[in-house]
Protein backbone atom coordinates (compact mmCIF):
# COMPACT_ATOMS: atom_id res chain seq x y z
CA ILE A 1 16.78 6.14 -11.78
CA GLU A 2 18.75 7.13 -14.84
CA LYS A 3 15.52 8.01 -16.67
CA LEU A 4 14.12 9.99 -13.75
CA ASN A 5 17.55 11.64 -13.29
CA LEU A 6 16.94 12.51 -9.63
CA PRO A 7 18.83 11.51 -6.48
CA VAL A 8 17.53 8.32 -4.88
CA ILE A 9 17.87 6.33 -1.69
CA PHE A 10 17.86 2.55 -2.05
CA GLY A 11 17.21 -0.12 0.53
CA PHE A 12 20.44 -2.08 0.89
CA GLU A 13 21.53 -5.32 2.57
CA LEU A 14 24.75 -7.29 2.70
CA PRO A 15 24.81 -11.10 2.45
CA ASN A 16 24.59 -12.87 5.82
CA ASP A 17 23.69 -9.63 7.61
CA PRO A 18 20.11 -9.39 8.92
CA VAL A 19 20.33 -5.60 9.27
CA ARG A 20 19.07 -3.62 6.30
CA GLY A 21 20.35 -0.16 5.58
CA PHE A 22 20.14 2.53 2.99
CA ILE A 23 22.48 3.84 0.35
CA GLY A 24 22.10 7.08 -1.56
CA VAL A 25 22.89 7.81 -5.17
CA ASP A 26 23.45 11.47 -5.91
CA GLY A 27 25.29 11.45 -9.21
CA ILE A 28 26.29 9.55 -12.32
CA THR A 29 29.78 9.88 -13.75
CA PRO A 30 30.52 10.29 -17.48
CA GLY A 31 31.58 6.61 -17.35
CA ASN A 32 28.06 5.71 -16.11
CA GLU A 33 29.16 4.84 -12.57
CA TYR A 34 26.88 5.76 -9.69
CA ILE A 35 28.20 8.11 -7.04
CA ILE A 36 26.98 6.59 -3.78
CA PHE A 37 27.09 7.59 -0.15
CA PRO A 38 26.39 4.93 2.49
CA GLY A 39 24.82 5.86 5.83
CA THR A 40 25.35 9.33 7.19
CA GLY A 41 29.03 9.63 6.28
CA GLU A 42 30.22 12.34 3.97
CA LYS A 43 32.53 10.02 2.03
CA LYS A 44 31.34 9.13 -1.47
CA TYR A 45 32.26 6.24 -3.74
CA LYS A 46 31.91 5.33 -7.41
CA ILE A 47 30.40 1.97 -8.31
CA ASP A 48 29.17 0.25 -11.44
CA PRO A 49 25.35 -0.12 -11.19
CA GLU A 50 25.64 -3.85 -11.98
CA GLU A 51 27.87 -4.35 -8.92
CA LEU A 52 25.36 -2.55 -6.70
CA LEU A 53 22.27 -4.38 -7.97
CA PRO A 54 22.64 -7.68 -5.99
CA TYR A 55 22.57 -5.79 -2.69
CA LEU A 56 19.43 -3.75 -3.28
CA THR A 57 16.24 -4.75 -1.45
CA GLY A 58 13.80 -3.27 -3.96
CA ASP A 59 12.94 -0.26 -1.79
CA MET A 60 13.50 3.07 -3.53
CA TYR A 61 12.82 6.57 -2.25
CA ILE A 62 12.92 9.71 -4.35
CA ALA A 63 12.75 13.04 -2.57
CA TRP A 64 10.44 15.05 -4.76
CA LYS A 65 7.83 17.68 -4.04
CA ASP A 66 4.73 17.84 -6.18
CA ASN A 67 4.92 21.54 -7.00
CA PHE A 68 2.23 21.33 -9.62
CA GLY A 69 -0.72 21.18 -7.24
CA TYR A 70 -2.45 18.61 -9.42
CA ASP A 71 -4.70 15.87 -8.18
CA ARG A 72 -2.84 12.66 -7.23
CA VAL A 73 -3.46 11.29 -10.73
CA VAL A 74 -4.68 13.69 -13.39
CA THR A 75 -7.37 12.14 -15.60
CA GLY A 76 -10.52 13.26 -17.39
CA SER A 77 -12.37 13.33 -14.06
CA SER A 78 -9.79 15.53 -12.29
CA SER A 79 -10.54 18.99 -10.96
CA LYS A 80 -10.83 21.84 -13.43
CA ASP A 81 -7.86 23.56 -11.78
CA SER A 82 -5.65 20.48 -12.23
CA ILE A 83 -6.51 20.12 -15.91
CA ILE A 84 -6.01 23.83 -16.68
CA SER A 85 -2.74 23.85 -14.72
CA LEU A 86 -1.53 20.81 -16.66
CA LYS A 87 -2.50 22.39 -19.99
CA LEU A 88 -0.63 25.59 -19.10
CA PHE A 89 2.43 23.58 -18.13
CA LEU A 90 2.35 21.56 -21.37
CA THR A 91 2.01 24.79 -23.36
CA GLU A 92 5.04 26.15 -21.51
CA LEU A 93 6.95 23.02 -22.59
CA GLY A 94 6.09 23.78 -26.22
CA PHE A 95 3.08 21.56 -26.86
CA PRO A 96 0.59 23.41 -29.11
CA LEU A 97 -2.67 22.87 -27.25
CA VAL A 98 -5.57 24.55 -28.99
CA ASP A 99 -7.98 25.35 -26.18
CA MET A 100 -7.59 26.10 -22.51
CA THR A 101 -10.89 24.66 -21.37
CA PRO A 102 -10.83 22.32 -18.36
CA VAL A 103 -11.24 19.24 -20.55
CA TYR A 104 -8.67 16.44 -20.57
CA ASP A 105 -8.82 16.04 -24.33
CA GLY A 106 -6.95 14.17 -27.07
CA PRO A 107 -4.09 16.68 -27.49
CA VAL A 108 -3.37 16.52 -23.74
CA LYS A 109 -3.37 12.72 -23.75
CA GLN A 110 -1.07 12.66 -26.80
CA ALA A 111 1.37 15.13 -25.21
CA ILE A 112 1.49 13.06 -22.03
CA LYS A 113 1.97 9.82 -23.99
CA GLN A 114 4.82 11.43 -25.92
CA ILE A 115 6.59 12.38 -22.70
CA GLN A 116 5.91 8.96 -21.16
CA LYS A 117 7.41 7.28 -24.24
CA LYS A 118 10.52 9.47 -24.07
CA TYR A 119 11.18 8.30 -20.49
CA GLY A 120 10.19 4.67 -20.99
CA LEU A 121 7.05 4.87 -18.84
CA VAL A 122 3.73 3.15 -19.48
CA GLU A 123 2.04 5.19 -22.21
CA ASP A 124 -1.42 5.50 -20.68
CA GLY A 125 -1.85 9.26 -21.12
CA LEU A 126 -2.52 9.72 -17.39
CA VAL A 127 -0.44 11.94 -15.13
CA GLY A 128 0.51 9.79 -12.13
CA PRO A 129 3.49 10.24 -9.77
CA LEU A 130 6.23 9.09 -12.20
CA THR A 131 4.78 11.12 -15.05
CA LYS A 132 4.73 14.18 -12.78
CA ILE A 133 8.41 13.66 -12.04
CA VAL A 134 9.35 13.44 -15.72
CA LEU A 135 7.18 16.45 -16.54
CA PHE A 136 9.11 18.34 -13.88
CA ASN A 137 12.36 17.14 -15.48
CA GLU A 138 11.22 18.45 -18.86
CA LYS A 139 11.29 21.93 -17.35
CA LYS A 140 15.07 21.51 -16.72
CA GLN A 141 15.23 23.74 -13.68
CA ASP A 142 18.70 24.66 -12.41
CA ALA A 143 17.74 24.44 -8.72
CA VAL A 144 16.96 20.71 -8.95
CA PRO A 145 19.76 18.28 -7.93
CA TYR A 146 19.82 16.10 -11.04
CA LEU A 147 22.02 12.99 -11.15
CA ASN A 148 23.40 13.94 -14.55
CA LYS A 149 22.91 17.54 -15.68
CA THR A 150 24.61 16.91 -19.03
CA ARG A 151 21.96 14.31 -19.89
CA PHE A 152 19.57 17.08 -20.86
CA GLU A 153 22.05 18.45 -23.35
CA LEU A 154 22.26 14.97 -24.93
CA ASP A 155 18.45 14.67 -25.17
CA GLN A 156 18.10 17.73 -27.37
């Protein structure tokens, strides 16, 4: 979640308790503690991620809207609109793409792989759900509730 830098809801269970619940993480402190909120209460707590880990079920939910309008996974066989939209977005991020034809070409794959590498994702050059999220993060929009807004300043 630190790489995606977006709020998350984790499945959570206590030892010897058959009831599973959920816990939200909506921030990271400068000391790298997670700011969590259990249940529906408004009270928040700080916890070291290592202390939280044993209680997580493996379920993770990220509230994110695919604003790009791309196909589910953008590949060479995607719609022309998805490929052009992706190329325009990459150009906006500063990638020097030569042509704006609806072809998922080498420069597009290389740009995507570069972004995937930066975030520690599988470098396959395809734009799946996690790659869409990190592309969105590259835009650094103020209206998005990032876990750690200062992280972007450190990346540059």
